[in-house]
Amino acid sequence: MNLNITNSFSDSLPADPNMQNTRRQVVESMYSFVSPIQTSNPELIHVSREIQQELGFSDEDVNSREFLDFVTGNAIAKNSKPFAMCYAGHQFGHWAGQLGDGRAINLGEINDWAIQLKGAGPTPYSRTADGLAVLRSSIREYLCSEAMHHLGIPTTRALSLSLTGDQVMRDMLYDGNAAYEKGAIVSRVSQSFLRFGNFEIFAARNDVKNLKILTDYTINTHFSYLGKPTKETYIKFFQEVVDKTLDMIIHWQRVGFVHGVMNTDNMSILGLTIDYGPYGWLEDFDFGWTPNTTDKQNKRYRYGNQPNIGLWNLYQLANALYPLIED
């Protein structure tokens, strides 16, 4: 299997100099290098044929042990430099400070697609969590991201779903009755996993230098048609994000999709549906419905409020970009 992995993101942006995988505050850095943990008995459950072809994997590749090890993190491919991104965010309307990839590990890019393993172990951003994922939530993300694409909705995509062979403790109903479940990993892909929160963290820390580095990289890589980064280009960039976010949420409302947790760290800079957690679909028309049980009281992220939340989140991004524009 010949993997042509590039590292545009990690080669272009400042890395965390601390190589220890310990929970901590990470400053003046876009990401931290981290390796996936070894799984005991990995098993490939399913591969998305479309993404397989998009990334250039043959059927022979997919059936190889090398592929299985790649999509479960059991082996680091040549040229791959695994890392977890540093970002912050507003959660349920409140500033949460540093968040980051708590259970997602990025492997680099293949054919300009960033590839990421979700559930491959802890990172410096895991806080008190284990960095792992269970089969039921992994199935939900794997199936829904591909379904959303075929409904014509901007979204991250998925390459594969695998069992790890390990047991993971989870409190499925949040009622204090935790139990072991099957561990799993989704390898998901996107043109970019950058979020509003990547920009928020530098603005919150008054780190304008790195805010500019990140914004310039984002424009040059994903919005190059806007021209060379300048104050005017930053404004055009923000308008593009506004338009893409609006388009995405119109599509959500069109099909009755409710994201469930529209925190700013779950908002893609490319207007993609990202981070499939407590999502759901309307059974009957109900502006007040939310699938997120932790949001049951205030229903901030209810179906009918998604356009308002999208706008509120864009205000937070505008505040984050303000130091570059000051107008």
C-alpha atoms as a PDB file:
ATOM      1  CA  MET A   1       0.000   0.000   0.000  1.00  0.00           C
ATOM      2  CA  ASN A   2       1.597   3.259  -1.144  1.00  0.00           C
ATOM      3  CA  LEU A   3       0.372   6.137   1.007  1.00  0.00           C
ATOM      4  CA  ASN A   4       1.197   9.598  -0.318  1.00  0.00           C
ATOM      5  CA  ILE A   5       0.710  11.537   2.921  1.00  0.00           C
ATOM      6  CA  THR A   6       1.425  15.259   3.076  1.00  0.00           C
ATOM      7  CA  ASN A   7       1.502  17.504   6.143  1.00  0.00           C
ATOM      8  CA  SER A   8       0.424  20.931   4.926  1.00  0.00           C
ATOM      9  CA  PHE A   9      -1.255  21.868   8.217  1.00  0.00           C
ATOM     10  CA  SER A  10       1.448  20.714  10.604  1.00  0.00           C
ATOM     11  CA  ASP A  11       4.353  21.826   8.404  1.00  0.00           C
ATOM     12  CA  SER A  12       2.902  25.320   7.944  1.00  0.00           C
ATOM     13  CA  LEU A  13       1.806  26.176  11.494  1.00  0.00           C
ATOM     14  CA  PRO A  14       3.495  26.429  14.921  1.00  0.00           C
ATOM     15  CA  ALA A  15       3.669  23.171  16.902  1.00  0.00           C
ATOM     16  CA  ASP A  16       3.507  22.659  20.657  1.00  0.00           C
ATOM     17  CA  PRO A  17       7.171  22.141  21.682  1.00  0.00           C
ATOM     18  CA  ASN A  18       6.115  19.858  24.557  1.00  0.00           C
ATOM     19  CA  MET A  19       6.088  16.300  23.205  1.00  0.00           C
ATOM     20  CA  GLN A  20       4.567  14.783  26.357  1.00  0.00           C
ATOM     21  CA  ASN A  21       0.984  13.534  26.014  1.00  0.00           C
ATOM     22  CA  THR A  22      -0.204  15.124  29.250  1.00  0.00           C
ATOM     23  CA  ARG A  23      -3.335  17.177  29.846  1.00  0.00           C
ATOM     24  CA  ARG A  24      -2.321  20.822  29.953  1.00  0.00           C
ATOM     25  CA  GLN A  25      -2.867  24.318  28.625  1.00  0.00           C
ATOM     26  CA  VAL A  26      -1.105  24.678  25.276  1.00  0.00           C
ATOM     27  CA  VAL A  27      -0.050  28.212  24.329  1.00  0.00           C
ATOM     28  CA  GLU A  28       1.236  29.863  21.145  1.00  0.00           C
ATOM     29  CA  SER A  29       0.691  26.624  19.231  1.00  0.00           C
ATOM     30  CA  MET A  30      -1.852  25.353  16.700  1.00  0.00           C
ATOM     31  CA  TYR A  31      -1.495  21.672  17.612  1.00  0.00           C
ATOM     32  CA  SER A  32       0.371  19.062  19.622  1.00  0.00           C
ATOM     33  CA  PHE A  33       2.077  15.961  18.250  1.00  0.00           C
ATOM     34  CA  VAL A  34       0.506  12.795  19.686  1.00  0.00           C
ATOM     35  CA  SER A  35       0.376   9.124  18.713  1.00  0.00           C
ATOM     36  CA  PRO A  36      -2.718   6.888  18.675  1.00  0.00           C
ATOM     37  CA  ILE A  37      -2.804   4.099  21.248  1.00  0.00           C
ATOM     38  CA  GLN A  38      -2.433   0.469  20.245  1.00  0.00           C
ATOM     39  CA  THR A  39      -5.667  -1.525  20.014  1.00  0.00           C
ATOM     40  CA  SER A  40      -5.788  -5.163  21.105  1.00  0.00           C
ATOM     41  CA  ASN A  41      -7.706  -6.834  18.279  1.00  0.00           C
ATOM     42  CA  PRO A  42      -8.715  -4.400  15.494  1.00  0.00           C
ATOM     43  CA  GLU A  43     -11.356  -5.429  12.984  1.00  0.00           C
ATOM     44  CA  LEU A  44     -12.539  -3.516   9.930  1.00  0.00           C
ATOM     45  CA  ILE A  45     -16.345  -3.308   9.844  1.00  0.00           C
ATOM     46  CA  HIS A  46     -17.003  -1.182   6.772  1.00  0.00           C
ATOM     47  CA  VAL A  47     -15.315   1.090   4.221  1.00  0.00           C
ATOM     48  CA  SER A  48     -16.990   3.879   2.255  1.00  0.00           C
ATOM     49  CA  ARG A  49     -16.375   2.968  -1.370  1.00  0.00           C
ATOM     50  CA  GLU A  50     -16.595   6.605  -2.518  1.00  0.00           C
ATOM     51  CA  ILE A  51     -14.015   7.907  -0.061  1.00  0.00           C
ATOM     52  CA  GLN A  52     -11.811   4.871  -0.651  1.00  0.00           C
ATOM     53  CA  GLN A  53     -11.651   5.828  -4.329  1.00  0.00           C
ATOM     54  CA  GLU A  54     -11.291   9.553  -3.568  1.00  0.00           C
ATOM     55  CA  LEU A  55      -8.212   8.825  -1.471  1.00  0.00           C
ATOM     56  CA  GLY A  56      -6.792   6.365  -4.014  1.00  0.00           C
ATOM     57  CA  PHE A  57      -7.063   3.115  -2.044  1.00  0.00           C
ATOM     58  CA  SER A  58      -7.491  -0.036  -4.154  1.00  0.00           C
ATOM     59  CA  ASP A  59      -9.623  -3.005  -3.072  1.00  0.00           C
ATOM     60  CA  GLU A  60      -6.385  -4.849  -2.438  1.00  0.00           C
ATOM     61  CA  ASP A  61      -5.232  -2.024  -0.170  1.00  0.00           C
ATOM     62  CA  VAL A  62      -8.464  -2.099   1.824  1.00  0.00           C
ATOM     63  CA  ASN A  63      -8.173  -5.830   2.415  1.00  0.00           C
ATOM     64  CA  SER A  64      -4.595  -5.530   3.704  1.00  0.00           C
ATOM     65  CA  ARG A  65      -3.385  -5.585   7.281  1.00  0.00           C
ATOM     66  CA  GLU A  66      -1.510  -2.371   6.531  1.00  0.00           C
ATOM     67  CA  PHE A  67      -4.787  -0.564   5.818  1.00  0.00           C
ATOM     68  CA  LEU A  68      -6.367  -1.909   9.012  1.00  0.00           C
ATOM     69  CA  ASP A  69      -3.405  -0.719  11.055  1.00  0.00           C
ATOM     70  CA  PHE A  70      -3.550   2.692   9.351  1.00  0.00           C
ATOM     71  CA  VAL A  71      -7.270   3.344  10.050  1.00  0.00           C
ATOM     72  CA  THR A  72      -7.048   2.118  13.648  1.00  0.00           C
ATOM     73  CA  GLY A  73      -3.803   3.871  14.557  1.00  0.00           C
ATOM     74  CA  ASN A  74      -1.925   0.653  15.255  1.00  0.00           C
ATOM     75  CA  ALA A  75       0.866   1.725  12.914  1.00  0.00           C
ATOM     76  CA  ILE A  76       2.079   5.174  11.900  1.00  0.00           C
ATOM     77  CA  ALA A  77       2.407   5.391   8.132  1.00  0.00           C
ATOM     78  CA  LYS A  78       5.566   6.751   6.542  1.00  0.00           C
ATOM     79  CA  ASN A  79       5.548  10.579   6.433  1.00  0.00           C
ATOM     80  CA  SER A  80       2.567  10.754   8.816  1.00  0.00           C
ATOM     81  CA  LYS A  81       3.020  13.112  11.778  1.00  0.00           C
ATOM     82  CA  PRO A  82      -0.036  12.515  14.009  1.00  0.00           C
ATOM     83  CA  PHE A  83      -1.297  15.510  15.952  1.00  0.00           C
ATOM     84  CA  ALA A  84      -4.264  16.933  17.853  1.00  0.00           C
ATOM     85  CA  MET A  85      -5.481  20.488  17.177  1.00  0.00           C
ATOM     86  CA  CYS A  86      -5.668  23.201  19.818  1.00  0.00           C
ATOM     87  CA  TYR A  87      -8.825  25.319  19.899  1.00  0.00           C
ATOM     88  CA  ALA A  88     -11.277  26.904  22.299  1.00  0.00           C
ATOM     89  CA  GLY A  89     -14.984  27.605  22.159  1.00  0.00           C
ATOM     90  CA  HIS A  90     -18.274  28.807  23.557  1.00  0.00           C
ATOM     91  CA  GLN A  91     -20.310  25.901  24.893  1.00  0.00           C
ATOM     92  CA  PHE A  92     -24.032  26.507  25.438  1.00  0.00           C
ATOM     93  CA  GLY A  93     -23.380  30.242  25.198  1.00  0.00           C
ATOM     94  CA  HIS A  94     -20.580  30.342  27.778  1.00  0.00           C
ATOM     95  CA  TRP A  95     -16.856  30.720  27.206  1.00  0.00           C
ATOM     96  CA  ALA A  96     -15.206  27.354  27.909  1.00  0.00           C
ATOM     97  CA  GLY A  97     -11.573  28.268  27.286  1.00  0.00           C
ATOM     98  CA  GLN A  98      -9.192  25.723  25.763  1.00  0.00           C
ATOM     99  CA  LEU A  99     -10.871  22.617  24.360  1.00  0.00           C
ATOM    100  CA  GLY A 100      -9.068  20.980  21.418  1.00  0.00           C
ATOM    101  CA  ASP A 101      -9.142  17.532  19.829  1.00  0.00           C
ATOM    102  CA  GLY A 102      -9.895  15.466  22.901  1.00  0.00           C
ATOM    103  CA  ARG A 103     -10.435  12.190  21.057  1.00  0.00           C
ATOM    104  CA  ALA A 104      -9.451  12.913  17.472  1.00  0.00           C
ATOM    105  CA  ILE A 105      -5.954  12.417  16.086  1.00  0.00           C
ATOM    106  CA  ASN A 106      -5.038  13.858  12.682  1.00  0.00           C
ATOM    107  CA  LEU A 107      -2.768  11.818  10.413  1.00  0.00           C
ATOM    108  CA  GLY A 108      -2.029  14.359   7.666  1.00  0.00           C
ATOM    109  CA  GLU A 109      -3.518  14.780   4.191  1.00  0.00           C
ATOM    110  CA  ILE A 110      -4.086  12.402   1.294  1.00  0.00           C
ATOM    111  CA  ASN A 111      -5.079  13.955  -2.052  1.00  0.00           C
ATOM    112  CA  ASP A 112      -5.804  17.228  -0.186  1.00  0.00           C
ATOM    113  CA  TRP A 113      -8.192  15.449   2.209  1.00  0.00           C
ATOM    114  CA  ALA A 114      -7.265  15.759   5.882  1.00  0.00           C
ATOM    115  CA  ILE A 115      -7.702  12.365   7.559  1.00  0.00           C
ATOM    116  CA  GLN A 116      -8.447  11.914  11.229  1.00  0.00           C
ATOM    117  CA  LEU A 117      -9.032   9.022  13.629  1.00  0.00           C
ATOM    118  CA  LYS A 118     -11.842   9.568  16.122  1.00  0.00           C
ATOM    119  CA  GLY A 119     -11.561   7.418  19.229  1.00  0.00           C
ATOM    120  CA  ALA A 120      -7.859   6.582  18.892  1.00  0.00           C
ATOM    121  CA  GLY A 121      -6.810   7.607  22.391  1.00  0.00           C
ATOM    122  CA  PRO A 122      -6.128  10.567  24.681  1.00  0.00           C
ATOM    123  CA  THR A 123      -4.446  13.840  23.718  1.00  0.00           C
ATOM    124  CA  PRO A 124      -3.286  16.885  25.698  1.00  0.00           C
ATOM    125  CA  TYR A 125      -6.823  18.223  25.151  1.00  0.00           C
ATOM    126  CA  SER A 126      -8.730  15.238  26.567  1.00  0.00           C
ATOM    127  CA  ARG A 127      -9.053  16.816  30.030  1.00  0.00           C
ATOM    128  CA  THR A 128     -10.628  14.067  32.174  1.00  0.00           C
ATOM    129  CA  ALA A 129     -11.812  11.946  29.230  1.00  0.00           C
ATOM    130  CA  ASP A 130     -10.215   8.769  27.848  1.00  0.00           C
ATOM    131  CA  GLY A 131     -10.044   9.805  24.196  1.00  0.00           C
ATOM    132  CA  LEU A 132     -11.881   6.650  23.122  1.00  0.00           C
ATOM    133  CA  ALA A 133     -15.174   6.032  21.317  1.00  0.00           C
ATOM    134  CA  VAL A 134     -17.762   3.254  21.446  1.00  0.00           C
ATOM    135  CA  LEU A 135     -19.389   1.358  18.611  1.00  0.00           C
ATOM    136  CA  ARG A 136     -22.898   2.862  18.851  1.00  0.00           C
ATOM    137  CA  SER A 137     -21.721   6.497  18.581  1.00  0.00           C
ATOM    138  CA  SER A 138     -19.183   5.582  15.899  1.00  0.00           C
ATOM    139  CA  ILE A 139     -21.869   3.909  13.776  1.00  0.00           C
ATOM    140  CA  ARG A 140     -24.011   7.030  14.130  1.00  0.00           C
ATOM    141  CA  GLU A 141     -21.234   9.307  12.887  1.00  0.00           C
ATOM    142  CA  TYR A 142     -20.114   6.972  10.112  1.00  0.00           C
ATOM    143  CA  LEU A 143     -23.601   6.485   8.669  1.00  0.00           C
ATOM    144  CA  CYS A 144     -24.898  10.014   9.151  1.00  0.00           C
ATOM    145  CA  SER A 145     -21.941  11.853   7.649  1.00  0.00           C
ATOM    146  CA  GLU A 146     -22.232   9.806   4.456  1.00  0.00           C
ATOM    147  CA  ALA A 147     -26.039  10.119   4.443  1.00  0.00           C
ATOM    148  CA  MET A 148     -25.808  13.900   4.818  1.00  0.00           C
ATOM    149  CA  HIS A 149     -23.476  14.091   1.818  1.00  0.00           C
ATOM    150  CA  HIS A 150     -25.966  12.185  -0.303  1.00  0.00           C
ATOM    151  CA  LEU A 151     -28.743  14.501   0.867  1.00  0.00           C
ATOM    152  CA  GLY A 152     -26.719  17.346  -0.644  1.00  0.00           C
ATOM    153  CA  ILE A 153     -25.648  18.779   2.719  1.00  0.00           C
ATOM    154  CA  PRO A 154     -22.090  20.067   3.296  1.00  0.00           C
ATOM    155  CA  THR A 155     -20.395  17.668   5.718  1.00  0.00           C
ATOM    156  CA  THR A 156     -17.242  15.919   6.767  1.00  0.00           C
ATOM    157  CA  ARG A 157     -17.008  12.427   5.280  1.00  0.00           C
ATOM    158  CA  ALA A 158     -15.972   9.010   6.586  1.00  0.00           C
ATOM    159  CA  LEU A 159     -13.529   6.464   5.193  1.00  0.00           C
ATOM    160  CA  SER A 160     -13.954   3.529   7.550  1.00  0.00           C
ATOM    161  CA  LEU A 161     -15.487   2.126  10.720  1.00  0.00           C
ATOM    162  CA  SER A 162     -13.477  -0.339  12.815  1.00  0.00           C
ATOM    163  CA  LEU A 163     -13.732  -2.223  16.079  1.00  0.00           C
ATOM    164  CA  THR A 164     -10.725  -1.915  18.384  1.00  0.00           C
ATOM    165  CA  GLY A 165     -11.253  -5.199  20.248  1.00  0.00           C
ATOM    166  CA  ASP A 166     -11.129  -3.238  23.513  1.00  0.00           C
ATOM    167  CA  GLN A 167     -13.879  -2.504  26.021  1.00  0.00           C
ATOM    168  CA  VAL A 168     -14.737   1.106  26.889  1.00  0.00           C
ATOM    169  CA  MET A 169     -16.647   2.219  29.991  1.00  0.00           C
ATOM    170  CA  ARG A 170     -19.572   4.545  29.254  1.00  0.00           C
ATOM    171  CA  ASP A 171     -22.672   5.821  31.071  1.00  0.00           C
ATOM    172  CA  MET A 172     -25.008   5.590  28.095  1.00  0.00           C
ATOM    173  CA  LEU A 173     -28.092   7.100  29.766  1.00  0.00           C
ATOM    174  CA  TYR A 174     -26.188   9.453  32.099  1.00  0.00           C
ATOM    175  CA  ASP A 175     -27.930   7.844  35.054  1.00  0.00           C
ATOM    176  CA  GLY A 176     -24.888   6.613  36.980  1.00  0.00           C
ATOM    177  CA  ASN A 177     -25.073   3.086  35.581  1.00  0.00           C
ATOM    178  CA  ALA A 178     -21.870   2.913  33.539  1.00  0.00           C
ATOM    179  CA  ALA A 179     -21.095  -0.289  31.683  1.00  0.00           C
ATOM    180  CA  TYR A 180     -18.515  -1.615  29.252  1.00  0.00           C
ATOM    181  CA  GLU A 181     -19.182  -1.270  25.526  1.00  0.00           C
ATOM    182  CA  LYS A 182     -17.309  -2.218  22.381  1.00  0.00           C
ATOM    183  CA  GLY A 183     -14.619   0.290  21.419  1.00  0.00           C
ATOM    184  CA  ALA A 184     -14.512   1.625  17.854  1.00  0.00           C
ATOM    185  CA  ILE A 185     -12.697   4.116  15.625  1.00  0.00           C
ATOM    186  CA  VAL A 186     -14.062   6.151  12.719  1.00  0.00           C
ATOM    187  CA  SER A 187     -11.533   7.420  10.211  1.00  0.00           C
ATOM    188  CA  ARG A 188     -13.101  10.608   8.942  1.00  0.00           C
ATOM    189  CA  VAL A 189     -11.977  13.008   6.247  1.00  0.00           C
ATOM    190  CA  SER A 190     -12.528  16.645   5.361  1.00  0.00           C
ATOM    191  CA  GLN A 191     -10.997  19.399   3.295  1.00  0.00           C
ATOM    192  CA  SER A 192     -10.282  20.948   6.711  1.00  0.00           C
ATOM    193  CA  PHE A 193     -11.156  20.338  10.352  1.00  0.00           C
ATOM    194  CA  LEU A 194     -10.588  24.002  11.308  1.00  0.00           C
ATOM    195  CA  ARG A 195     -13.341  25.441  13.494  1.00  0.00           C
ATOM    196  CA  PHE A 196     -14.407  28.845  14.780  1.00  0.00           C
ATOM    197  CA  GLY A 197     -12.719  27.888  18.048  1.00  0.00           C
ATOM    198  CA  ASN A 198      -9.279  27.659  16.392  1.00  0.00           C
ATOM    199  CA  PHE A 199      -9.458  31.436  15.912  1.00  0.00           C
ATOM    200  CA  GLU A 200     -11.193  32.202  19.200  1.00  0.00           C
ATOM    201  CA  ILE A 201      -8.406  30.800  21.347  1.00  0.00           C
ATOM    202  CA  PHE A 202      -5.758  33.180  19.991  1.00  0.00           C
ATOM    203  CA  ALA A 203      -8.030  36.216  20.193  1.00  0.00           C
ATOM    204  CA  ALA A 204      -8.943  35.333  23.796  1.00  0.00           C
ATOM    205  CA  ARG A 205      -5.245  35.146  24.684  1.00  0.00           C
ATOM    206  CA  ASN A 206      -4.397  38.368  22.809  1.00  0.00           C
ATOM    207  CA  ASP A 207      -2.038  36.314  20.652  1.00  0.00           C
ATOM    208  CA  VAL A 208      -2.534  38.382  17.508  1.00  0.00           C
ATOM    209  CA  LYS A 209       0.665  37.038  15.959  1.00  0.00           C
ATOM    210  CA  ASN A 210      -0.627  33.468  15.819  1.00  0.00           C
ATOM    211  CA  LEU A 211      -4.156  34.590  15.020  1.00  0.00           C
ATOM    212  CA  LYS A 212      -2.754  36.242  11.882  1.00  0.00           C
ATOM    213  CA  ILE A 213      -0.605  33.195  11.019  1.00  0.00           C
ATOM    214  CA  LEU A 214      -3.647  30.919  11.243  1.00  0.00           C
ATOM    215  CA  THR A 215      -5.956  33.266   9.326  1.00  0.00           C
ATOM    216  CA  ASP A 216      -3.410  33.800   6.555  1.00  0.00           C
ATOM    217  CA  TYR A 217      -2.862  30.045   6.277  1.00  0.00           C
ATOM    218  CA  THR A 218      -6.624  29.431   6.110  1.00  0.00           C
ATOM    219  CA  ILE A 219      -7.107  32.028   3.376  1.00  0.00           C
ATOM    220  CA  ASN A 220      -4.093  30.886   1.350  1.00  0.00           C
ATOM    221  CA  THR A 221      -5.069  27.209   1.619  1.00  0.00           C
ATOM    222  CA  HIS A 222      -8.867  27.199   1.469  1.00  0.00           C
ATOM    223  CA  PHE A 223      -9.895  30.648   0.212  1.00  0.00           C
ATOM    224  CA  SER A 224      -7.039  31.555  -2.140  1.00  0.00           C
ATOM    225  CA  TYR A 225      -9.534  32.966  -4.655  1.00  0.00           C
ATOM    226  CA  LEU A 226     -10.015  35.923  -2.282  1.00  0.00           C
ATOM    227  CA  GLY A 227      -6.466  37.089  -2.954  1.00  0.00           C
ATOM    228  CA  LYS A 228      -3.450  37.859  -0.802  1.00  0.00           C
ATOM    229  CA  PRO A 229      -4.290  38.295   2.927  1.00  0.00           C
ATOM    230  CA  THR A 230      -4.998  41.941   3.770  1.00  0.00           C
ATOM    231  CA  LYS A 231      -7.501  43.700   6.013  1.00  0.00           C
ATOM    232  CA  GLU A 232      -9.980  43.733   3.108  1.00  0.00           C
ATOM    233  CA  THR A 233      -9.350  40.030   2.460  1.00  0.00           C
ATOM    234  CA  TYR A 234     -10.044  39.198   6.118  1.00  0.00           C
ATOM    235  CA  ILE A 235     -13.442  40.865   5.756  1.00  0.00           C
ATOM    236  CA  LYS A 236     -14.132  38.934   2.549  1.00  0.00           C
ATOM    237  CA  PHE A 237     -13.041  35.739   4.330  1.00  0.00           C
ATOM    238  CA  PHE A 238     -15.511  36.364   7.135  1.00  0.00           C
ATOM    239  CA  GLN A 239     -18.284  36.995   4.577  1.00  0.00           C
ATOM    240  CA  GLU A 240     -17.458  33.665   2.924  1.00  0.00           C
ATOM    241  CA  VAL A 241     -17.761  31.854   6.257  1.00  0.00           C
ATOM    242  CA  VAL A 242     -21.085  33.619   6.888  1.00  0.00           C
ATOM    243  CA  ASP A 243     -22.420  32.524   3.502  1.00  0.00           C
ATOM    244  CA  LYS A 244     -21.215  28.931   3.898  1.00  0.00           C
ATOM    245  CA  THR A 245     -22.672  28.673   7.413  1.00  0.00           C
ATOM    246  CA  LEU A 246     -26.005  30.043   6.216  1.00  0.00           C
ATOM    247  CA  ASP A 247     -26.084  27.568   3.340  1.00  0.00           C
ATOM    248  CA  MET A 248     -25.353  24.660   5.680  1.00  0.00           C
ATOM    249  CA  ILE A 249     -28.088  25.610   8.165  1.00  0.00           C
ATOM    250  CA  ILE A 250     -30.650  26.142   5.390  1.00  0.00           C
ATOM    251  CA  HIS A 251     -29.945  22.557   4.356  1.00  0.00           C
ATOM    252  CA  TRP A 252     -30.342  21.364   7.968  1.00  0.00           C
ATOM    253  CA  GLN A 253     -33.727  23.066   8.245  1.00  0.00           C
ATOM    254  CA  ARG A 254     -34.756  21.715   4.834  1.00  0.00           C
ATOM    255  CA  VAL A 255     -34.381  18.075   5.888  1.00  0.00           C
ATOM    256  CA  GLY A 256     -35.297  18.433   9.578  1.00  0.00           C
ATOM    257  CA  PHE A 257     -31.792  17.732  10.884  1.00  0.00           C
ATOM    258  CA  VAL A 258     -30.939  18.931  14.388  1.00  0.00           C
ATOM    259  CA  HIS A 259     -27.233  19.051  15.233  1.00  0.00           C
ATOM    260  CA  GLY A 260     -27.838  19.100  18.954  1.00  0.00           C
ATOM    261  CA  VAL A 261     -24.623  20.773  20.113  1.00  0.00           C
ATOM    262  CA  MET A 262     -23.835  23.889  18.054  1.00  0.00           C
ATOM    263  CA  ASN A 263     -20.979  25.092  20.235  1.00  0.00           C
ATOM    264  CA  THR A 264     -18.438  27.281  18.439  1.00  0.00           C
ATOM    265  CA  ASP A 265     -15.857  24.488  18.634  1.00  0.00           C
ATOM    266  CA  ASN A 266     -18.263  22.380  16.546  1.00  0.00           C
ATOM    267  CA  MET A 267     -18.619  24.993  13.785  1.00  0.00           C
ATOM    268  CA  SER A 268     -16.548  24.346  10.655  1.00  0.00           C
ATOM    269  CA  ILE A 269     -14.765  27.259   9.000  1.00  0.00           C
ATOM    270  CA  LEU A 270     -15.797  25.702   5.649  1.00  0.00           C
ATOM    271  CA  GLY A 271     -19.488  25.498   6.541  1.00  0.00           C
ATOM    272  CA  LEU A 272     -19.444  21.707   6.936  1.00  0.00           C
ATOM    273  CA  THR A 273     -21.562  19.659   9.306  1.00  0.00           C
ATOM    274  CA  ILE A 274     -18.993  18.435  11.807  1.00  0.00           C
ATOM    275  CA  ASP A 275     -18.898  16.426  15.055  1.00  0.00           C
ATOM    276  CA  TYR A 276     -21.938  14.159  15.003  1.00  0.00           C
ATOM    277  CA  GLY A 277     -22.804  13.868  18.679  1.00  0.00           C
ATOM    278  CA  PRO A 278     -26.400  14.051  19.968  1.00  0.00           C
ATOM    279  CA  TYR A 279     -27.909  14.796  16.552  1.00  0.00           C
ATOM    280  CA  GLY A 280     -31.410  13.792  15.507  1.00  0.00           C
ATOM    281  CA  TRP A 281     -34.121  14.171  12.868  1.00  0.00           C
ATOM    282  CA  LEU A 282     -37.617  15.587  13.213  1.00  0.00           C
ATOM    283  CA  GLU A 283     -40.300  12.889  13.235  1.00  0.00           C
ATOM    284  CA  ASP A 284     -43.057  15.511  13.141  1.00  0.00           C
ATOM    285  CA  PHE A 285     -42.682  19.258  12.682  1.00  0.00           C
ATOM    286  CA  ASP A 286     -41.627  20.734  16.010  1.00  0.00           C
ATOM    287  CA  PHE A 287     -39.670  23.992  16.270  1.00  0.00           C
ATOM    288  CA  GLY A 288     -38.896  23.239  19.927  1.00  0.00           C
ATOM    289  CA  TRP A 289     -37.412  19.749  19.562  1.00  0.00           C
ATOM    290  CA  THR A 290     -33.828  18.908  20.481  1.00  0.00           C
ATOM    291  CA  PRO A 291     -32.144  15.481  20.581  1.00  0.00           C
ATOM    292  CA  ASN A 292     -29.673  16.611  23.249  1.00  0.00           C
ATOM    293  CA  THR A 293     -30.826  15.494  26.702  1.00  0.00           C
ATOM    294  CA  THR A 294     -28.333  17.822  28.417  1.00  0.00           C
ATOM    295  CA  ASP A 295     -30.064  20.727  26.627  1.00  0.00           C
ATOM    296  CA  LYS A 296     -33.554  19.587  27.643  1.00  0.00           C
ATOM    297  CA  GLN A 297     -34.230  22.460  30.033  1.00  0.00           C
ATOM    298  CA  ASN A 298     -33.141  25.499  27.992  1.00  0.00           C
ATOM    299  CA  LYS A 299     -33.341  23.940  24.516  1.00  0.00           C
ATOM    300  CA  ARG A 300     -30.730  26.368  23.229  1.00  0.00           C
ATOM    301  CA  TYR A 301     -29.969  24.104  20.276  1.00  0.00           C
ATOM    302  CA  ARG A 302     -33.549  23.221  19.360  1.00  0.00           C
ATOM    303  CA  TYR A 303     -34.534  22.851  15.704  1.00  0.00           C
ATOM    304  CA  GLY A 304     -36.179  26.269  15.374  1.00  0.00           C
ATOM    305  CA  ASN A 305     -33.245  28.085  16.966  1.00  0.00           C
ATOM    306  CA  GLN A 306     -30.483  26.744  14.727  1.00  0.00           C
ATOM    307  CA  PRO A 307     -30.432  29.802  12.406  1.00  0.00           C
ATOM    308  CA  ASN A 308     -30.193  32.147  15.428  1.00  0.00           C
ATOM    309  CA  ILE A 309     -27.393  30.086  16.947  1.00  0.00           C
ATOM    310  CA  GLY A 310     -25.535  30.064  13.650  1.00  0.00           C
ATOM    311  CA  LEU A 311     -25.667  33.871  13.673  1.00  0.00           C
ATOM    312  CA  TRP A 312     -24.615  34.049  17.344  1.00  0.00           C
ATOM    313  CA  ASN A 313     -21.658  31.789  16.616  1.00  0.00           C
ATOM    314  CA  LEU A 314     -20.662  33.976  13.675  1.00  0.00           C
ATOM    315  CA  TYR A 315     -20.625  36.973  16.023  1.00  0.00           C
ATOM    316  CA  GLN A 316     -18.087  35.091  18.144  1.00  0.00           C
ATOM    317  CA  LEU A 317     -15.959  34.437  15.065  1.00  0.00           C
ATOM    318  CA  ALA A 318     -16.241  38.130  14.141  1.00  0.00           C
ATOM    319  CA  ASN A 319     -14.996  39.033  17.619  1.00  0.00           C
ATOM    320  CA  ALA A 320     -12.102  36.601  17.171  1.00  0.00           C
ATOM    321  CA  LEU A 321     -11.098  38.158  13.838  1.00  0.00           C
ATOM    322  CA  TYR A 322     -11.578  41.723  15.077  1.00  0.00           C
ATOM    323  CA  PRO A 323      -7.910  42.227  16.155  1.00  0.00           C
ATOM    324  CA  LEU A 324      -6.917  41.763  12.486  1.00  0.00           C
ATOM    325  CA  ILE A 325      -9.466  44.294  11.243  1.00  0.00           C
ATOM    326  CA  GLU A 326     -10.107  46.780  14.101  1.00  0.00           C
ATOM    327  CA  ASP A 327     -13.138  48.313  12.446  1.00  0.00           C
END
